[in-house]
Every structure is written in structure tokens, then in C-alpha cells.
Amino acid sequence: MTIFTQAHAYDLAQRYVGTKEMSGSMDNPAIMAMLKLDNDWPEEDEVPWCSAFVNFIAWSCRHPRSKSLRARSWLRIGKNVPLNEAKGGDIVILQRGKGEQPGPEVIEAPGHVGFFAGYIPGPVGGELGLIEVLGGNQSDSVKLSRYPVGRLLGIRRLT
């Protein structure tokens, strides 16, 4: 029997680095497959697809998944992990946008989700630190990006 681990999910996610939306009327078939895994409505890849990417990787590894395109839906999956115990492959859920945002109790609010890739302690540029996230729909592609710790809503470990 094969056991799929968090590290395996992260390794698989890394294989998609560079996958990106296509401009104009063309759509990337890989992103469309991720979007259509649990939902029928997306007709193009130029929609928020960060949760679709995480769902696709979790599905591929036979992990629990949110089955939702809402990034904050991942706050209900797996178990909560504090930042100082996060490992590569844990799920990071962040606030999206500037200004005052609701907390993690509001699932319907804007958010962003990806895989934990690292932590850079602060202060960095006036921030408390930065979280490195491997995710989809980061500048319209799968890539590694850094986000201020102040945007963190939660870290979840898939079990």
C-alpha cells in the first residue's frame, strides 16, 4: 500500500511550477482540468484558481480536500498547525486584498491558498515576517511567492 505524505503533495505541486494562464481566448487545459474537477461553472482560466490547484494536488495524492474554489474553504480541512510547526506541503490560507479583512471565521470572504514553502522571520520591510507559498494563480501561474505574515488566516495539515 502506498502512503502519500505532505512532502509528496509538495513535490507534486512543484512539478507544476511554470503552469500559467493563456492570454486572450485560449485557456490552459491543465488549469481548466483543475477548475472542472469539482465545479462546472468556470468557462475560462482567467478566474481565481488557487483553490482549484490545491484541490487538484490533494486529489492526486488522495488527501482530503475542500472541493470548493473558495480559498478560505481550506480552513475547514485537516488540522490546524501553528506557524512554528509548519512543514512543506501544509496548506496556507491567507487574506486577499488590502485594508480591513474579516478573520478566519468568515469562509465567504476573499482569500488565497497554497502550499507552505518556508518562513522568513521579520522584521522584513516593516513586516512581521514573510511566508513562502507555492501556489496556483500567483501572478496567473504556479510559482513560489512571499506574503506578509499579517495576512495569515491559518495553516492546515492534511491527515
C-alpha atoms as a PDB file:
ATOM      1  CA  MET A   1       0.000   0.000   0.000  1.00  0.00           C
ATOM      2  CA  THR A   2       1.352   3.431  -0.953  1.00  0.00           C
ATOM      3  CA  ILE A   3       1.272   6.153   1.691  1.00  0.00           C
ATOM      4  CA  PHE A   4       1.035   9.687   0.301  1.00  0.00           C
ATOM      5  CA  THR A   5       2.624  12.272   2.576  1.00  0.00           C
ATOM      6  CA  GLN A   6       2.562  16.058   2.845  1.00  0.00           C
ATOM      7  CA  ALA A   7       6.045  16.092   1.311  1.00  0.00           C
ATOM      8  CA  HIS A   8       4.727  14.062  -1.606  1.00  0.00           C
ATOM      9  CA  ALA A   9       1.972  16.660  -2.181  1.00  0.00           C
ATOM     10  CA  TYR A  10       4.549  19.466  -2.148  1.00  0.00           C
ATOM     11  CA  ASP A  11       6.823  17.556  -4.531  1.00  0.00           C
ATOM     12  CA  LEU A  12       3.917  17.028  -6.911  1.00  0.00           C
ATOM     13  CA  ALA A  13       2.917  20.703  -6.687  1.00  0.00           C
ATOM     14  CA  GLN A  14       6.487  21.687  -7.628  1.00  0.00           C
ATOM     15  CA  ARG A  15       6.126  19.789 -10.909  1.00  0.00           C
ATOM     16  CA  TYR A  16       3.505  22.346 -11.974  1.00  0.00           C
ATOM     17  CA  VAL A  17       5.735  25.405 -11.464  1.00  0.00           C
ATOM     18  CA  GLY A  18       5.519  27.461 -14.632  1.00  0.00           C
ATOM     19  CA  THR A  19       1.974  26.380 -15.490  1.00  0.00           C
ATOM     20  CA  LYS A  20       0.198  29.615 -16.366  1.00  0.00           C
ATOM     21  CA  GLU A  21      -2.937  31.103 -17.787  1.00  0.00           C
ATOM     22  CA  MET A  22      -3.044  31.719 -21.510  1.00  0.00           C
ATOM     23  CA  SER A  23      -3.918  35.220 -22.652  1.00  0.00           C
ATOM     24  CA  GLY A  24      -6.809  36.023 -24.922  1.00  0.00           C
ATOM     25  CA  SER A  25      -9.425  33.464 -25.863  1.00  0.00           C
ATOM     26  CA  MET A  26      -7.125  30.465 -25.297  1.00  0.00           C
ATOM     27  CA  ASP A  27      -7.270  28.559 -21.985  1.00  0.00           C
ATOM     28  CA  ASN A  28      -4.637  26.329 -20.445  1.00  0.00           C
ATOM     29  CA  PRO A  29      -6.112  22.795 -20.493  1.00  0.00           C
ATOM     30  CA  ALA A  30      -4.283  21.825 -17.273  1.00  0.00           C
ATOM     31  CA  ILE A  31      -5.805  24.750 -15.360  1.00  0.00           C
ATOM     32  CA  MET A  32      -9.230  24.041 -16.857  1.00  0.00           C
ATOM     33  CA  ALA A  33      -8.957  20.416 -15.673  1.00  0.00           C
ATOM     34  CA  MET A  34      -8.159  21.665 -12.154  1.00  0.00           C
ATOM     35  CA  LEU A  35     -11.125  24.055 -12.234  1.00  0.00           C
ATOM     36  CA  LYS A  36     -13.522  21.417 -13.552  1.00  0.00           C
ATOM     37  CA  LEU A  37     -12.512  18.754 -11.011  1.00  0.00           C
ATOM     38  CA  ASP A  38     -15.271  19.847  -8.611  1.00  0.00           C
ATOM     39  CA  ASN A  39     -17.112  22.639 -10.424  1.00  0.00           C
ATOM     40  CA  ASP A  40     -18.881  23.065 -13.734  1.00  0.00           C
ATOM     41  CA  TRP A  41     -19.097  26.845 -13.956  1.00  0.00           C
ATOM     42  CA  PRO A  42     -15.601  28.074 -14.878  1.00  0.00           C
ATOM     43  CA  GLU A  43     -15.511  28.547 -18.637  1.00  0.00           C
ATOM     44  CA  GLU A  44     -12.037  30.088 -18.775  1.00  0.00           C
ATOM     45  CA  ASP A  45      -8.770  30.011 -16.867  1.00  0.00           C
ATOM     46  CA  GLU A  46      -8.888  33.729 -16.068  1.00  0.00           C
ATOM     47  CA  VAL A  47     -10.758  33.190 -12.783  1.00  0.00           C
ATOM     48  CA  PRO A  48      -9.393  32.681  -9.256  1.00  0.00           C
ATOM     49  CA  TRP A  49      -7.945  29.150  -9.376  1.00  0.00           C
ATOM     50  CA  CYS A  50      -5.626  28.915  -6.358  1.00  0.00           C
ATOM     51  CA  SER A  51      -8.024  26.578  -4.530  1.00  0.00           C
ATOM     52  CA  ALA A  52      -8.534  24.515  -7.692  1.00  0.00           C
ATOM     53  CA  PHE A  53      -4.765  23.932  -7.798  1.00  0.00           C
ATOM     54  CA  VAL A  54      -4.615  22.825  -4.146  1.00  0.00           C
ATOM     55  CA  ASN A  55      -7.695  20.611  -4.620  1.00  0.00           C
ATOM     56  CA  PHE A  56      -6.121  19.014  -7.678  1.00  0.00           C
ATOM     57  CA  ILE A  57      -2.860  18.223  -5.859  1.00  0.00           C
ATOM     58  CA  ALA A  58      -4.753  16.907  -2.807  1.00  0.00           C
ATOM     59  CA  TRP A  59      -6.969  14.772  -5.065  1.00  0.00           C
ATOM     60  CA  SER A  60      -3.900  13.415  -6.880  1.00  0.00           C
ATOM     61  CA  CYS A  61      -2.365  12.407  -3.534  1.00  0.00           C
ATOM     62  CA  ARG A  62      -5.637  11.037  -2.147  1.00  0.00           C
ATOM     63  CA  HIS A  63      -5.684  13.655   0.617  1.00  0.00           C
ATOM     64  CA  PRO A  64      -8.838  15.258   1.986  1.00  0.00           C
ATOM     65  CA  ARG A  65      -9.848  18.334   0.011  1.00  0.00           C
ATOM     66  CA  SER A  66     -12.306  21.201   0.190  1.00  0.00           C
ATOM     67  CA  LYS A  67     -13.968  20.558  -3.199  1.00  0.00           C
ATOM     68  CA  SER A  68     -14.522  24.327  -3.395  1.00  0.00           C
ATOM     69  CA  LEU A  69     -12.985  27.182  -5.363  1.00  0.00           C
ATOM     70  CA  ARG A  70     -13.090  29.360  -2.230  1.00  0.00           C
ATOM     71  CA  ALA A  71      -9.601  29.666  -0.780  1.00  0.00           C
ATOM     72  CA  ARG A  72     -10.946  30.008   2.754  1.00  0.00           C
ATOM     73  CA  SER A  73     -12.803  26.686   2.427  1.00  0.00           C
ATOM     74  CA  TRP A  74      -9.458  25.093   3.342  1.00  0.00           C
ATOM     75  CA  LEU A  75      -9.812  26.483   6.877  1.00  0.00           C
ATOM     76  CA  ARG A  76     -12.197  23.557   7.493  1.00  0.00           C
ATOM     77  CA  ILE A  77      -9.952  20.785   6.118  1.00  0.00           C
ATOM     78  CA  GLY A  78      -7.267  18.915   8.059  1.00  0.00           C
ATOM     79  CA  LYS A  79      -5.954  20.050  11.403  1.00  0.00           C
ATOM     80  CA  ASN A  80      -4.690  23.449  12.498  1.00  0.00           C
ATOM     81  CA  VAL A  81      -0.905  23.861  12.690  1.00  0.00           C
ATOM     82  CA  PRO A  82       0.924  26.833  14.261  1.00  0.00           C
ATOM     83  CA  LEU A  83       3.393  28.675  12.026  1.00  0.00           C
ATOM     84  CA  ASN A  84       6.393  27.460  14.054  1.00  0.00           C
ATOM     85  CA  GLU A  85       5.399  23.815  13.338  1.00  0.00           C
ATOM     86  CA  ALA A  86       4.526  24.222   9.633  1.00  0.00           C
ATOM     87  CA  LYS A  87       6.161  21.861   7.146  1.00  0.00           C
ATOM     88  CA  GLY A  88       6.470  21.851   3.385  1.00  0.00           C
ATOM     89  CA  GLY A  89       3.161  20.706   1.983  1.00  0.00           C
ATOM     90  CA  ASP A  90       0.952  22.109   4.735  1.00  0.00           C
ATOM     91  CA  ILE A  91      -1.852  24.300   3.409  1.00  0.00           C
ATOM     92  CA  VAL A  92      -1.533  28.064   3.955  1.00  0.00           C
ATOM     93  CA  ILE A  93      -4.669  30.212   3.877  1.00  0.00           C
ATOM     94  CA  LEU A  94      -4.226  33.971   3.522  1.00  0.00           C
ATOM     95  CA  GLN A  95      -6.361  37.081   3.351  1.00  0.00           C
ATOM     96  CA  ARG A  96      -6.580  38.567  -0.122  1.00  0.00           C
ATOM     97  CA  GLY A  97      -6.580  42.261  -0.812  1.00  0.00           C
ATOM     98  CA  LYS A  98      -5.655  45.360   1.082  1.00  0.00           C
ATOM     99  CA  GLY A  99      -7.296  47.014   4.038  1.00  0.00           C
ATOM    100  CA  GLU A 100      -9.534  45.615   6.736  1.00  0.00           C
ATOM    101  CA  GLN A 101     -10.426  41.955   6.109  1.00  0.00           C
ATOM    102  CA  PRO A 102     -12.634  39.554   8.070  1.00  0.00           C
ATOM    103  CA  GLY A 103     -10.985  36.851  10.139  1.00  0.00           C
ATOM    104  CA  PRO A 104     -10.845  33.108   9.505  1.00  0.00           C
ATOM    105  CA  GLU A 105     -14.407  32.590  10.751  1.00  0.00           C
ATOM    106  CA  VAL A 106     -15.735  34.144   7.502  1.00  0.00           C
ATOM    107  CA  ILE A 107     -15.334  31.490   4.792  1.00  0.00           C
ATOM    108  CA  GLU A 108     -17.135  33.503   2.082  1.00  0.00           C
ATOM    109  CA  ALA A 109     -14.600  36.379   2.134  1.00  0.00           C
ATOM    110  CA  PRO A 110     -11.734  36.735  -0.364  1.00  0.00           C
ATOM    111  CA  GLY A 111      -8.647  34.660   0.303  1.00  0.00           C
ATOM    112  CA  HIS A 112      -5.668  32.889  -1.190  1.00  0.00           C
ATOM    113  CA  VAL A 113      -4.415  29.331  -0.625  1.00  0.00           C
ATOM    114  CA  GLY A 114      -1.270  27.390  -1.434  1.00  0.00           C
ATOM    115  CA  PHE A 115       1.371  25.090  -0.001  1.00  0.00           C
ATOM    116  CA  PHE A 116       3.714  26.175   2.792  1.00  0.00           C
ATOM    117  CA  ALA A 117       7.245  26.501   1.442  1.00  0.00           C
ATOM    118  CA  GLY A 118       9.021  28.413   4.197  1.00  0.00           C
ATOM    119  CA  TYR A 119       9.076  31.255   6.683  1.00  0.00           C
ATOM    120  CA  ILE A 120      11.373  34.269   6.786  1.00  0.00           C
ATOM    121  CA  PRO A 121      11.222  35.822  10.266  1.00  0.00           C
ATOM    122  CA  GLY A 122      10.700  39.589  10.488  1.00  0.00           C
ATOM    123  CA  PRO A 123      11.039  42.341  10.578  1.00  0.00           C
ATOM    124  CA  VAL A 124      11.300  42.321   6.790  1.00  0.00           C
ATOM    125  CA  GLY A 125      10.338  45.573   5.099  1.00  0.00           C
ATOM    126  CA  GLY A 126       8.377  46.586   8.170  1.00  0.00           C
ATOM    127  CA  GLU A 127       6.530  43.254   8.256  1.00  0.00           C
ATOM    128  CA  LEU A 128       6.499  40.605  10.991  1.00  0.00           C
ATOM    129  CA  GLY A 129       7.984  38.208   8.512  1.00  0.00           C
ATOM    130  CA  LEU A 130       7.159  36.548   5.237  1.00  0.00           C
ATOM    131  CA  ILE A 131       5.564  33.212   4.430  1.00  0.00           C
ATOM    132  CA  GLU A 132       6.734  31.493   1.260  1.00  0.00           C
ATOM    133  CA  VAL A 133       3.871  29.853  -0.597  1.00  0.00           C
ATOM    134  CA  LEU A 134       3.921  27.509  -3.580  1.00  0.00           C
ATOM    135  CA  GLY A 135       0.586  28.007  -5.246  1.00  0.00           C
ATOM    136  CA  GLY A 136      -1.522  28.478  -8.307  1.00  0.00           C
ATOM    137  CA  ASN A 137      -2.867  31.783  -9.582  1.00  0.00           C
ATOM    138  CA  GLN A 138       0.113  33.673  -8.182  1.00  0.00           C
ATOM    139  CA  SER A 139       0.670  36.247 -10.917  1.00  0.00           C
ATOM    140  CA  ASP A 140      -1.533  33.979 -13.085  1.00  0.00           C
ATOM    141  CA  SER A 141       0.812  30.994 -12.732  1.00  0.00           C
ATOM    142  CA  VAL A 142       2.046  28.267 -10.413  1.00  0.00           C
ATOM    143  CA  LYS A 143       5.064  29.693  -8.640  1.00  0.00           C
ATOM    144  CA  LEU A 144       6.699  30.430  -5.317  1.00  0.00           C
ATOM    145  CA  SER A 145       5.665  33.761  -3.790  1.00  0.00           C
ATOM    146  CA  ARG A 146       6.121  35.567  -0.483  1.00  0.00           C
ATOM    147  CA  TYR A 147       3.316  37.047   1.593  1.00  0.00           C
ATOM    148  CA  PRO A 148       3.336  39.087   4.828  1.00  0.00           C
ATOM    149  CA  VAL A 149       2.661  37.026   7.954  1.00  0.00           C
ATOM    150  CA  GLY A 150      -0.015  39.584   8.853  1.00  0.00           C
ATOM    151  CA  ARG A 151      -2.216  38.133   6.075  1.00  0.00           C
ATOM    152  CA  LEU A 152      -2.113  34.601   7.546  1.00  0.00           C
ATOM    153  CA  LEU A 153      -5.528  33.143   8.383  1.00  0.00           C
ATOM    154  CA  GLY A 154      -4.401  29.611   9.125  1.00  0.00           C
ATOM    155  CA  ILE A 155      -2.164  26.681   8.314  1.00  0.00           C
ATOM    156  CA  ARG A 156      -3.714  23.239   7.925  1.00  0.00           C
ATOM    157  CA  ARG A 157      -2.157  19.805   7.794  1.00  0.00           C
ATOM    158  CA  LEU A 158      -3.988  17.256   5.687  1.00  0.00           C
ATOM    159  CA  THR A 159      -4.439  13.981   7.545  1.00  0.00           C
END
